[in-house]
Amino acid sequence: MILHRIRPQKPGERLAREDQLAWKIACMAADRVETDPAAGEMAALRIIDDWAVSIAALDRPSVSAARGAALASGRANGASLIGLGGNRRVDAYWAGYANATAIRELDYNDSFFAADSSHPGDVIGPLAAVAEARGATGTALIKGIATAYETQIGLVKGIALNRHRIDHVAHLGPAVAAGLGAMLDLEPAVLYHAINLAAQLSVSTRQTRKGTISSYKANAPGHIGQIAMLAVDRAMRGETSPSPVYEGDYGLMAILLGGSDSECAIPLPSPGEPPVAILESYPKEYSAGYHGQALIDLALRMRNRISEHGRISDIAIYTKELTHIVMGTGAGDPEKWDPSATRETLDHSAMYIFAVALQDGTWDHESSYAPERAARPDTVELWRKTRTVADPFWTREFLDPEPLDKAHGARIVVTYDDGSMIEGELRVANAHPRGANPWGAEDYCRKFLKLAEGRVAPAEASRFLEAALALPGAAGSKPVDLSIEARTANPGGTGEGLFA
């Protein structure tokens, strides 16, 4: 592993291409190294995870709208749309967008945190679409996924976005571009321009996840995936790029990410070293923002000790500053206590998540967010007594350790009207690699089968699981086919768009 230190260049200074971050990422992605077996297996499991949460979201409005846009671009040698089987193909540019929207809709796929946050599994939709359309092998797709994860996780480790109010999808574009390059075996000179273009065009503000959170939160990864696909297409056709996109005196670091005196350090594999960062990311057992995963586990663990909810006067969630400002009181968003708030807002409310999990003793991707559930008077009363506190201990335990050792949990103090208190704490979610029940292959498959139940015929679900699990092995020499047919999938199209 090499730690690449970068800084903005001074006016008039010139940075050699070989010293630029985009070139270093391009060389890593173009390395002809074989995929690490454990990383390859995990890539297949993350495909299963992404398809599971997509199937559960197929009838959601955002997904239907994205599918409608995709179906307007039918193409015989295109890619499949999740839920519509293998017979209906659309342009990979639109399939990647629609499938990525379905993957992100329920906030139910994997996460990673370091200097910033991310959902690295968001890279898979665009990569799989291009793989199907171009006839890439399973081995190539698995390598592309491992490379895309490596790129995004390296950027997340080294370049903080949230503190500058830049949305974390800014790292997604270069990651998808790098993954496509690795999958298609592109040369560094082409990939360099694709990564520059993707990084330049993937920047948006953090308002995506602030206030009333809109349906665009689900569409954002697909939109950025399209940007990355366009960037690779243009670079392959000879288009050059703004450079150095990160280090230029008018580049991302100098203008948006800390100013002319900023410095960053991005870890990337050494030449000949396979990408394995995917093994540092963590799955979601529950459909909620990652900061809420441990809170749900903690609520379920504490609920047998907490009775007489009407006598509770205060619930304080002592947690890291990032949870406090993204999902808690520190965000300053009254919508986080609003019973009529959007689902996207509720899954980013630590107060709502803890109150409902405490009352119900379970968590469901649909019923836990139902409007009538959110509006229940006893829930609203308890919810509005719940707050977060940025605790220096939890912040330090999140910032200081290596990524897999970071604390994502909290200490809960429940205070009753007579002053008595009940406390509990949990460092990481149960499903986390350092948690009480770290997930293995059987857990991903169980999640898939649970979410596919009633939506996908059992034989079709089994066929898909077998195909996905075989991708890193001998079956990886065959062209990718990740199509799956759902029983009740809305074929798509809510209203007309510009491109009918």
Protein backbone atom coordinates (compact mmCIF):
# COMPACT_ATOMS: atom_id res chain seq x y z
CA MET A 1 0.00 0.00 0.00
CA ILE A 2 1.29 3.46 -0.94
CA LEU A 3 0.10 6.64 0.79
CA HIS A 4 -0.08 9.31 -1.92
CA ARG A 5 0.23 12.80 -0.46
CA ILE A 6 -1.26 15.59 -2.56
CA ARG A 7 -1.65 19.35 -2.26
CA PRO A 8 -2.84 22.14 -4.55
CA GLN A 9 -0.15 23.47 -6.84
CA LYS A 10 0.82 27.12 -6.59
CA PRO A 11 -0.05 29.55 -9.41
CA GLY A 12 2.47 29.02 -12.18
CA GLU A 13 3.59 25.68 -10.76
CA ARG A 14 3.25 22.63 -13.04
CA LEU A 15 2.68 19.11 -11.77
CA ALA A 16 3.85 16.20 -13.91
CA ARG A 17 1.08 13.82 -14.96
CA GLU A 18 2.81 10.96 -13.14
CA ASP A 19 2.57 12.90 -9.86
CA GLN A 20 -1.17 13.57 -10.10
CA LEU A 21 -3.73 11.61 -8.11
CA ALA A 22 -5.85 10.83 -11.18
CA TRP A 23 -2.83 9.18 -12.86
CA LYS A 24 -2.04 7.13 -9.77
CA ILE A 25 -5.65 5.88 -9.63
CA ALA A 26 -5.52 5.14 -13.36
CA CYS A 27 -2.34 3.08 -12.99
CA MET A 28 -3.82 1.14 -10.07
CA ALA A 29 -6.98 0.39 -12.07
CA ALA A 30 -4.97 -0.67 -15.14
CA ASP A 31 -2.73 -3.04 -13.17
CA ARG A 32 -3.09 -6.60 -14.53
CA VAL A 33 -3.14 -8.12 -11.05
CA GLU A 34 -5.51 -11.00 -10.27
CA THR A 35 -8.39 -10.35 -7.90
CA ASP A 36 -7.85 -11.40 -4.29
CA PRO A 37 -10.10 -14.45 -3.61
CA ALA A 38 -11.67 -13.01 -0.45
CA ALA A 39 -12.28 -9.67 -2.14
CA GLY A 40 -13.79 -11.46 -5.14
CA GLU A 41 -16.15 -13.45 -2.96
CA MET A 42 -17.22 -10.29 -1.14
CA ALA A 43 -17.85 -8.53 -4.47
CA ALA A 44 -20.27 -11.31 -5.42
CA LEU A 45 -22.00 -11.02 -2.04
CA ARG A 46 -22.39 -7.27 -2.50
CA ILE A 47 -24.05 -7.91 -5.87
CA ILE A 48 -26.52 -10.15 -4.05
CA ASP A 49 -27.03 -7.47 -1.40
CA ASP A 50 -27.63 -4.74 -3.99
CA TRP A 51 -30.10 -6.86 -5.96
CA ALA A 52 -31.93 -7.79 -2.73
CA VAL A 53 -32.59 -4.20 -1.72
CA SER A 54 -33.47 -3.31 -5.31
CA ILE A 55 -36.17 -5.97 -5.49
CA ALA A 56 -37.70 -4.63 -2.28
CA ALA A 57 -37.81 -1.14 -3.82
CA LEU A 58 -39.15 -1.89 -7.30
CA ASP A 59 -42.57 -0.30 -6.78
CA ARG A 60 -41.26 2.86 -5.12
CA PRO A 61 -41.96 6.09 -7.08
CA SER A 62 -38.28 7.02 -7.59
CA VAL A 63 -37.49 3.59 -8.98
CA SER A 64 -40.55 3.56 -11.24
CA ALA A 65 -39.65 6.97 -12.63
CA ALA A 66 -36.04 5.94 -13.30
CA ARG A 67 -37.23 2.73 -14.93
CA GLY A 68 -39.59 4.73 -17.17
CA ALA A 69 -36.68 6.82 -18.38
CA ALA A 70 -34.64 3.69 -19.02
CA LEU A 71 -37.39 1.91 -20.96
CA ALA A 72 -37.48 4.79 -23.44
CA SER A 73 -34.01 3.68 -24.60
CA GLY A 74 -34.60 0.06 -25.57
CA ARG A 75 -31.57 -1.64 -27.10
CA ALA A 76 -31.23 -5.27 -28.15
CA ASN A 77 -27.59 -5.51 -27.09
CA GLY A 78 -28.10 -3.47 -23.95
CA ALA A 79 -28.43 -4.36 -20.27
CA SER A 80 -31.22 -5.75 -18.13
CA LEU A 81 -33.33 -3.86 -15.62
CA ILE A 82 -33.60 -5.48 -12.20
CA GLY A 83 -37.00 -7.17 -11.94
CA LEU A 84 -37.86 -7.23 -15.63
CA GLY A 85 -35.94 -10.35 -16.61
CA GLY A 86 -33.45 -10.79 -19.42
CA ASN A 87 -35.70 -10.30 -22.43
CA ARG A 88 -36.11 -6.52 -22.12
CA ARG A 89 -32.82 -4.72 -22.67
CA VAL A 90 -32.07 -1.01 -22.59
CA ASP A 91 -29.04 1.16 -23.19
CA ALA A 92 -26.45 0.50 -20.46
CA TYR A 93 -26.30 4.25 -19.75
CA TRP A 94 -29.94 4.15 -18.61
CA ALA A 95 -29.89 0.65 -17.12
CA GLY A 96 -27.03 1.69 -14.86
CA TYR A 97 -29.01 4.74 -13.77
CA ALA A 98 -32.28 2.89 -13.10
CA ASN A 99 -30.64 -0.04 -11.32
CA ALA A 100 -28.49 2.25 -9.17
CA THR A 101 -31.63 4.15 -8.17
CA ALA A 102 -33.29 0.91 -7.07
CA ILE A 103 -30.16 -0.07 -5.14
CA ARG A 104 -30.05 3.24 -3.21
CA GLU A 105 -33.78 3.87 -2.70
CA LEU A 106 -34.24 2.15 0.67
CA ASP A 107 -30.84 3.18 2.13
CA TYR A 108 -30.21 -0.51 2.69
CA ASN A 109 -26.87 -1.37 1.03
CA ASP A 110 -23.35 -1.19 2.43
CA SER A 111 -21.43 1.72 3.97
CA PHE A 112 -17.89 2.83 4.76
CA PHE A 113 -16.55 5.65 6.94
CA ALA A 114 -13.14 7.22 7.32
CA ALA A 115 -12.41 10.91 6.64
CA ASP A 116 -15.85 10.90 5.04
CA SER A 117 -18.84 8.62 4.55
CA SER A 118 -19.88 6.56 1.53
CA HIS A 119 -22.02 3.76 0.17
CA PRO A 120 -19.40 1.94 -1.94
CA GLY A 121 -21.94 -0.61 -3.22
CA ASP A 122 -23.43 2.20 -5.31
CA VAL A 123 -20.69 1.49 -7.87
CA ILE A 124 -22.18 -1.89 -8.81
CA GLY A 125 -25.27 -0.86 -10.81
CA PRO A 126 -23.39 1.04 -13.54
CA LEU A 127 -20.57 -1.54 -13.69
CA ALA A 128 -22.98 -4.47 -14.05
CA ALA A 129 -24.95 -2.67 -16.78
CA VAL A 130 -21.85 -2.01 -18.86
CA ALA A 131 -20.64 -5.58 -18.26
CA GLU A 132 -23.89 -7.02 -19.63
CA ALA A 133 -23.98 -4.67 -22.63
CA ARG A 134 -20.36 -5.31 -23.64
CA GLY A 135 -20.34 -9.03 -22.93
CA ALA A 136 -17.74 -8.77 -20.18
CA THR A 137 -16.97 -11.89 -18.19
CA GLY A 138 -17.83 -12.43 -14.55
CA THR A 139 -14.13 -12.34 -13.72
CA ALA A 140 -13.82 -8.91 -15.35
CA LEU A 141 -16.87 -7.56 -13.51
CA ILE A 142 -15.60 -8.81 -10.15
CA LYS A 143 -12.24 -7.13 -10.81
CA GLY A 144 -14.01 -3.91 -11.78
CA ILE A 145 -16.08 -3.95 -8.58
CA ALA A 146 -13.03 -4.60 -6.39
CA THR A 147 -11.18 -1.75 -8.14
CA ALA A 148 -14.11 0.66 -7.81
CA TYR A 149 -14.40 -0.11 -4.09
CA GLU A 150 -10.65 0.37 -3.68
CA THR A 151 -10.81 3.76 -5.37
CA GLN A 152 -13.80 5.04 -3.46
CA ILE A 153 -12.58 3.79 -0.10
CA GLY A 154 -9.11 5.25 -0.72
CA LEU A 155 -10.66 8.64 -1.55
CA VAL A 156 -12.95 8.43 1.50
CA LYS A 157 -9.95 7.69 3.71
CA GLY A 158 -8.00 10.65 2.40
CA ILE A 159 -10.32 13.43 1.28
CA ALA A 160 -13.04 14.74 3.60
CA LEU A 161 -16.08 16.13 1.80
CA ASN A 162 -18.76 16.60 4.46
CA ARG A 163 -16.86 19.27 6.38
CA HIS A 164 -16.87 21.35 3.18
CA ARG A 165 -20.58 20.62 2.57
CA ILE A 166 -19.82 18.58 -0.53
CA ASP A 167 -21.88 15.41 -0.99
CA HIS A 168 -20.07 12.07 -0.79
CA VAL A 169 -21.07 11.10 -4.34
CA ALA A 170 -18.14 13.26 -5.44
CA HIS A 171 -15.95 10.20 -4.77
CA LEU A 172 -18.38 7.86 -6.53
CA GLY A 173 -17.73 9.21 -10.05
CA PRO A 174 -13.97 8.57 -10.11
CA ALA A 175 -14.58 5.17 -8.45
CA VAL A 176 -17.02 4.03 -11.14
CA ALA A 177 -14.70 5.31 -13.87
CA ALA A 178 -11.76 3.41 -12.37
CA GLY A 179 -13.86 0.26 -12.02
CA LEU A 180 -15.01 0.47 -15.64
CA GLY A 181 -11.42 0.90 -16.74
CA ALA A 182 -10.29 -2.17 -14.80
CA MET A 183 -13.20 -4.23 -16.12
CA LEU A 184 -12.58 -3.18 -19.73
CA ASP A 185 -8.78 -3.44 -19.44
CA LEU A 186 -8.21 0.18 -20.50
CA GLU A 187 -4.76 1.75 -20.61
CA PRO A 188 -3.72 4.32 -17.95
CA ALA A 189 -3.57 7.15 -20.50
CA VAL A 190 -7.26 6.69 -21.33
CA LEU A 191 -8.30 6.09 -17.74
CA TYR A 192 -6.48 9.20 -16.57
CA HIS A 193 -8.76 11.42 -18.63
CA ALA A 194 -11.87 9.44 -17.66
CA ILE A 195 -11.08 9.83 -13.96
CA ASN A 196 -10.36 13.55 -14.33
CA LEU A 197 -13.65 14.08 -16.17
CA ALA A 198 -15.63 12.02 -13.68
CA ALA A 199 -14.12 13.83 -10.70
CA GLN A 200 -14.71 17.24 -12.29
CA LEU A 201 -18.38 16.55 -13.03
CA SER A 202 -19.44 14.56 -9.94
CA VAL A 203 -19.39 17.38 -7.38
CA SER A 204 -22.66 18.47 -5.73
CA THR A 205 -23.57 20.04 -2.41
CA ARG A 206 -24.46 18.22 0.79
CA GLN A 207 -27.96 19.72 0.58
CA THR A 208 -28.89 16.37 -0.96
CA ARG A 209 -28.99 15.02 2.62
CA LYS A 210 -30.19 18.10 4.53
CA GLY A 211 -33.59 19.46 5.54
CA THR A 212 -36.46 17.79 3.70
CA ILE A 213 -34.59 14.99 1.98
CA SER A 214 -35.99 14.43 -1.49
CA SER A 215 -36.23 11.51 -3.85
CA TYR A 216 -33.01 12.72 -5.50
CA LYS A 217 -31.05 11.01 -2.69
CA ALA A 218 -31.95 7.73 -4.36
CA ASN A 219 -31.29 9.03 -7.89
CA ALA A 220 -27.93 10.62 -7.10
CA PRO A 221 -25.73 7.48 -7.43
CA GLY A 222 -27.34 6.58 -10.77
CA HIS A 223 -26.85 10.13 -12.00
CA ILE A 224 -23.18 10.05 -10.97
CA GLY A 225 -22.86 6.60 -12.54
CA GLN A 226 -24.06 8.09 -15.81
CA ILE A 227 -21.45 10.84 -15.49
CA ALA A 228 -18.74 8.21 -15.01
CA MET A 229 -19.97 6.13 -17.97
CA LEU A 230 -19.95 9.26 -20.15
CA ALA A 231 -16.48 10.16 -18.92
CA VAL A 232 -15.12 6.73 -19.86
CA ASP A 233 -16.90 6.81 -23.23
CA ARG A 234 -15.47 10.24 -24.05
CA ALA A 235 -11.96 9.32 -22.94
CA MET A 236 -12.08 6.17 -25.06
CA ARG A 237 -13.01 8.37 -28.04
CA GLY A 238 -10.05 10.66 -27.44
CA GLU A 239 -11.52 13.50 -25.38
CA THR A 240 -9.03 15.00 -22.96
CA SER A 241 -9.78 16.37 -19.49
CA PRO A 242 -9.24 19.29 -17.12
CA SER A 243 -6.09 18.54 -15.18
CA PRO A 244 -4.80 18.27 -12.61
CA VAL A 245 -8.38 18.01 -11.39
CA TYR A 246 -7.53 17.55 -7.73
CA GLU A 247 -4.25 19.46 -7.38
CA GLY A 248 -4.70 22.37 -9.81
CA ASP A 249 -4.65 25.91 -8.41
CA TYR A 250 -8.25 26.13 -9.66
CA GLY A 251 -8.92 22.46 -8.95
CA LEU A 252 -11.09 20.63 -6.43
CA MET A 253 -8.77 20.92 -3.44
CA ALA A 254 -7.93 24.59 -3.86
CA ILE A 255 -11.45 25.79 -4.61
CA LEU A 256 -13.79 23.39 -2.76
CA LEU A 257 -11.89 21.15 -0.36
CA GLY A 258 -9.82 23.23 2.00
CA GLY A 259 -8.05 25.89 -0.02
CA SER A 260 -4.56 26.44 -1.33
CA ASP A 261 -2.85 25.22 1.86
CA SER A 262 -4.78 21.96 2.17
CA GLU A 263 -3.11 18.55 2.08
CA CYS A 264 -4.51 15.04 1.70
CA ALA A 265 -3.11 11.51 1.83
CA ILE A 266 -4.84 8.80 -0.23
CA PRO A 267 -3.87 5.13 0.20
CA LEU A 268 -3.81 2.95 -2.93
CA PRO A 269 -2.38 -0.52 -3.58
CA SER A 270 1.23 -0.81 -4.71
CA PRO A 271 1.90 -2.18 -8.22
CA GLY A 272 1.11 -5.89 -8.23
CA GLU A 273 -0.95 -5.65 -5.03
CA PRO A 274 -4.61 -6.65 -5.47
CA PRO A 275 -7.41 -4.32 -4.32
CA VAL A 276 -8.92 -5.58 -1.05
CA ALA A 277 -10.54 -2.48 0.49
CA ILE A 278 -13.99 -3.98 -0.11
CA LEU A 279 -13.26 -6.17 2.94
CA GLU A 280 -13.19 -3.03 5.11
CA SER A 281 -16.75 -2.00 4.23
CA TYR A 282 -19.77 -3.09 6.21
CA PRO A 283 -23.28 -4.27 5.40
CA LYS A 284 -26.61 -3.01 6.66
CA GLU A 285 -28.97 -5.29 8.52
CA TYR A 286 -31.64 -2.57 8.61
CA SER A 287 -33.06 -0.11 6.11
CA ALA A 288 -31.82 3.13 7.69
CA GLY A 289 -28.86 5.48 7.54
CA TYR A 290 -25.73 3.73 8.80
CA HIS A 291 -25.57 5.87 11.93
CA GLY A 292 -28.88 4.25 12.88
CA GLN A 293 -27.75 0.60 12.59
CA ALA A 294 -26.22 0.35 16.06
CA LEU A 295 -29.06 2.46 17.50
CA ILE A 296 -31.61 -0.10 16.31
CA ASP A 297 -29.58 -2.97 17.77
CA LEU A 298 -29.22 -1.03 21.03
CA ALA A 299 -32.95 -0.23 21.20
CA LEU A 300 -33.77 -3.92 20.69
CA ARG A 301 -31.26 -4.85 23.38
CA MET A 302 -32.51 -2.29 25.92
CA ARG A 303 -36.28 -2.50 25.40
CA ASN A 304 -36.87 -5.25 27.98
CA ARG A 305 -35.45 -2.91 30.63
CA ILE A 306 -37.42 0.15 29.51
CA SER A 307 -41.09 0.18 30.43
CA GLU A 308 -43.75 2.82 31.07
CA HIS A 309 -42.78 4.91 28.07
CA GLY A 310 -45.27 7.60 29.10
CA ARG A 311 -43.16 8.36 32.18
CA ILE A 312 -39.99 8.94 30.18
CA SER A 313 -38.96 12.59 30.33
CA ASP A 314 -35.80 12.45 28.19
CA ILE A 315 -33.82 10.10 25.96
CA ALA A 316 -30.26 11.30 25.33
CA ILE A 317 -28.19 9.62 22.62
CA TYR A 318 -24.52 10.34 23.37
CA THR A 319 -22.72 9.69 20.12
CA LYS A 320 -20.09 10.90 17.69
CA GLU A 321 -20.30 14.39 16.21
CA LEU A 322 -20.98 13.06 12.69
CA THR A 323 -24.12 11.24 13.83
CA HIS A 324 -25.17 14.34 15.76
CA ILE A 325 -24.91 16.66 12.74
CA VAL A 326 -26.09 14.25 10.02
CA MET A 327 -28.90 12.35 11.75
CA GLY A 328 -29.35 14.13 15.04
CA THR A 329 -30.14 17.32 16.90
CA GLY A 330 -27.00 19.01 15.58
CA ALA A 331 -28.38 19.04 12.03
CA GLY A 332 -30.77 21.83 13.08
CA ASP A 333 -33.52 20.26 10.95
CA PRO A 334 -37.00 20.37 12.55
CA GLU A 335 -38.07 17.86 9.87
CA LYS A 336 -36.26 15.15 11.87
CA TRP A 337 -39.13 15.29 14.41
CA ASP A 338 -41.94 15.82 11.88
CA PRO A 339 -44.50 12.96 11.61
CA SER A 340 -45.30 14.03 8.04
CA ALA A 341 -41.65 14.02 6.94
CA THR A 342 -40.55 12.04 3.89
CA ARG A 343 -39.28 8.50 4.30
CA GLU A 344 -35.87 9.75 3.17
CA THR A 345 -35.91 12.24 6.07
CA LEU A 346 -37.06 9.68 8.65
CA ASP A 347 -34.29 7.23 7.78
CA HIS A 348 -31.88 10.07 8.57
CA SER A 349 -33.45 10.83 11.97
CA ALA A 350 -31.64 9.07 14.79
CA MET A 351 -34.41 10.16 17.16
CA TYR A 352 -37.18 8.57 15.07
CA ILE A 353 -35.20 5.39 14.47
CA PHE A 354 -34.46 4.80 18.17
CA ALA A 355 -38.01 5.61 19.34
CA VAL A 356 -39.72 3.30 16.83
CA ALA A 357 -37.27 0.42 17.33
CA LEU A 358 -37.72 0.77 21.10
CA GLN A 359 -41.51 0.63 20.85
CA ASP A 360 -41.79 -2.09 18.20
CA GLY A 361 -38.91 -4.42 19.04
CA THR A 362 -38.24 -4.90 15.33
CA TRP A 363 -37.38 -2.95 12.18
CA ASP A 364 -38.97 -3.26 8.76
CA HIS A 365 -38.09 -1.41 5.57
CA GLU A 366 -41.77 -0.67 4.91
CA SER A 367 -43.91 -0.74 8.06
CA SER A 368 -41.38 1.13 10.22
CA TYR A 369 -41.74 4.12 7.90
CA ALA A 370 -45.47 3.92 7.14
CA PRO A 371 -47.17 7.34 7.50
CA GLU A 372 -49.60 5.98 10.04
CA ARG A 373 -46.67 4.51 12.03
CA ALA A 374 -44.81 7.81 12.09
CA ALA A 375 -47.95 9.70 13.14
CA ARG A 376 -48.89 7.46 16.09
CA PRO A 377 -49.42 9.83 19.05
CA ASP A 378 -47.40 7.82 21.58
CA THR A 379 -44.55 7.58 19.07
CA VAL A 380 -44.57 11.32 18.40
CA GLU A 381 -44.53 11.98 22.15
CA LEU A 382 -41.56 9.68 22.75
CA TRP A 383 -39.76 10.77 19.59
CA ARG A 384 -39.87 14.44 20.61
CA LYS A 385 -38.31 13.60 23.96
CA THR A 386 -35.34 12.08 22.15
CA ARG A 387 -32.19 14.02 21.28
CA THR A 388 -28.57 13.48 20.35
CA VAL A 389 -25.50 14.85 22.10
CA ALA A 390 -22.09 15.14 20.45
CA ASP A 391 -19.88 13.32 22.94
CA PRO A 392 -16.08 13.87 22.73
CA PHE A 393 -15.46 10.24 23.74
CA TRP A 394 -17.56 8.79 20.90
CA THR A 395 -16.16 11.34 18.44
CA ARG A 396 -12.61 10.37 19.39
CA GLU A 397 -13.46 6.66 19.15
CA PHE A 398 -14.75 7.30 15.64
CA LEU A 399 -11.97 9.59 14.38
CA ASP A 400 -8.83 8.02 15.81
CA PRO A 401 -8.93 4.27 15.05
CA GLU A 402 -8.44 2.52 11.74
CA PRO A 403 -11.67 2.26 9.69
CA LEU A 404 -12.68 -1.22 10.86
CA ASP A 405 -12.12 -0.24 14.51
CA LYS A 406 -14.15 2.97 14.42
CA ALA A 407 -17.05 3.28 16.87
CA HIS A 408 -20.38 3.88 15.14
CA GLY A 409 -22.63 3.45 18.15
CA ALA A 410 -23.71 5.42 21.18
CA ARG A 411 -24.50 5.49 24.87
CA ILE A 412 -28.20 5.88 25.61
CA VAL A 413 -29.48 7.49 28.81
CA VAL A 414 -33.22 7.18 29.41
CA THR A 415 -34.46 9.46 32.20
CA TYR A 416 -37.86 9.06 33.91
CA ASP A 417 -40.02 11.71 35.53
CA ASP A 418 -38.78 10.69 38.99
CA GLY A 419 -35.13 11.18 37.99
CA SER A 420 -34.30 7.48 37.70
CA MET A 421 -32.22 6.45 34.68
CA ILE A 422 -31.55 3.43 32.50
CA GLU A 423 -28.37 3.31 30.42
CA GLY A 424 -26.94 1.16 27.67
CA GLU A 425 -24.25 1.40 25.02
CA LEU A 426 -23.07 -0.38 21.88
CA ARG A 427 -19.89 0.34 19.93
CA VAL A 428 -20.84 -1.06 16.50
CA ALA A 429 -23.86 -2.71 14.90
CA ASN A 430 -24.20 -6.46 15.28
CA ALA A 431 -23.64 -7.08 11.53
CA HIS A 432 -20.43 -5.00 11.43
CA PRO A 433 -17.19 -6.98 10.86
CA ARG A 434 -16.28 -6.19 14.49
CA GLY A 435 -19.84 -6.67 15.73
CA ALA A 436 -21.57 -9.38 17.75
CA ASN A 437 -22.74 -11.22 14.62
CA PRO A 438 -20.49 -10.24 11.68
CA TRP A 439 -22.10 -11.14 8.39
CA GLY A 440 -21.03 -14.00 6.16
CA ALA A 441 -22.34 -15.43 2.90
CA GLU A 442 -25.35 -17.05 4.55
CA ASP A 443 -26.48 -13.69 5.95
CA TYR A 444 -26.40 -11.97 2.55
CA CYS A 445 -28.30 -14.86 1.00
CA ARG A 446 -30.85 -14.82 3.82
CA LYS A 447 -31.40 -11.09 3.33
CA PHE A 448 -31.88 -11.65 -0.40
CA LEU A 449 -34.40 -14.44 0.08
CA LYS A 450 -36.30 -12.48 2.72
CA LEU A 451 -36.67 -9.41 0.50
CA ALA A 452 -37.40 -11.50 -2.60
CA GLU A 453 -40.14 -13.50 -0.86
CA GLY A 454 -43.46 -12.91 -2.59
CA ARG A 455 -41.76 -10.76 -5.22
CA VAL A 456 -39.60 -13.31 -7.04
CA ALA A 457 -40.50 -16.92 -7.77
CA PRO A 458 -38.44 -19.29 -5.57
CA ALA A 459 -36.85 -21.00 -8.58
CA GLU A 460 -35.87 -17.65 -10.08
CA ALA A 461 -34.41 -16.47 -6.77
CA SER A 462 -32.36 -19.66 -6.48
CA ARG A 463 -31.14 -19.36 -10.06
CA PHE A 464 -29.97 -15.79 -9.49
CA LEU A 465 -28.19 -16.61 -6.24
CA GLU A 466 -26.38 -19.51 -7.88
CA ALA A 467 -25.29 -17.32 -10.81
CA ALA A 468 -24.07 -14.47 -8.58
CA LEU A 469 -22.18 -16.73 -6.17
CA ALA A 470 -20.41 -18.41 -9.10
CA LEU A 471 -19.02 -15.17 -10.59
CA PRO A 472 -15.63 -15.28 -8.81
CA GLY A 473 -15.07 -18.94 -9.74
CA ALA A 474 -14.86 -20.97 -12.91
CA ALA A 475 -18.17 -19.57 -14.14
CA GLY A 476 -16.46 -16.18 -14.26
CA SER A 477 -15.24 -16.98 -17.76
CA LYS A 478 -18.80 -16.62 -19.08
CA PRO A 479 -20.42 -13.32 -20.11
CA VAL A 480 -22.21 -11.58 -17.25
CA ASP A 481 -25.96 -12.05 -16.96
CA LEU A 482 -27.45 -10.61 -13.78
CA SER A 483 -31.01 -10.41 -15.03
CA ILE A 484 -33.79 -11.34 -12.64
CA GLU A 485 -37.54 -11.36 -13.10
CA ALA A 486 -39.90 -10.22 -10.35
CA ARG A 487 -43.54 -11.22 -10.18
CA THR A 488 -45.00 -7.80 -9.51
CA ALA A 489 -42.43 -5.34 -10.80
CA ASN A 490 -43.97 -2.18 -12.15
CA PRO A 491 -42.67 -2.04 -15.73
CA GLY A 492 -41.98 1.63 -15.12
CA GLY A 493 -43.08 5.01 -16.23
CA THR A 494 -44.88 7.51 -14.04
CA GLY A 495 -45.78 10.31 -16.42
CA GLU A 496 -43.80 11.46 -19.44
CA GLY A 497 -40.33 12.89 -19.49
CA LEU A 498 -38.46 14.92 -22.08
CA PHE A 499 -37.30 11.74 -23.80
CA ALA A 500 -40.51 9.76 -24.21
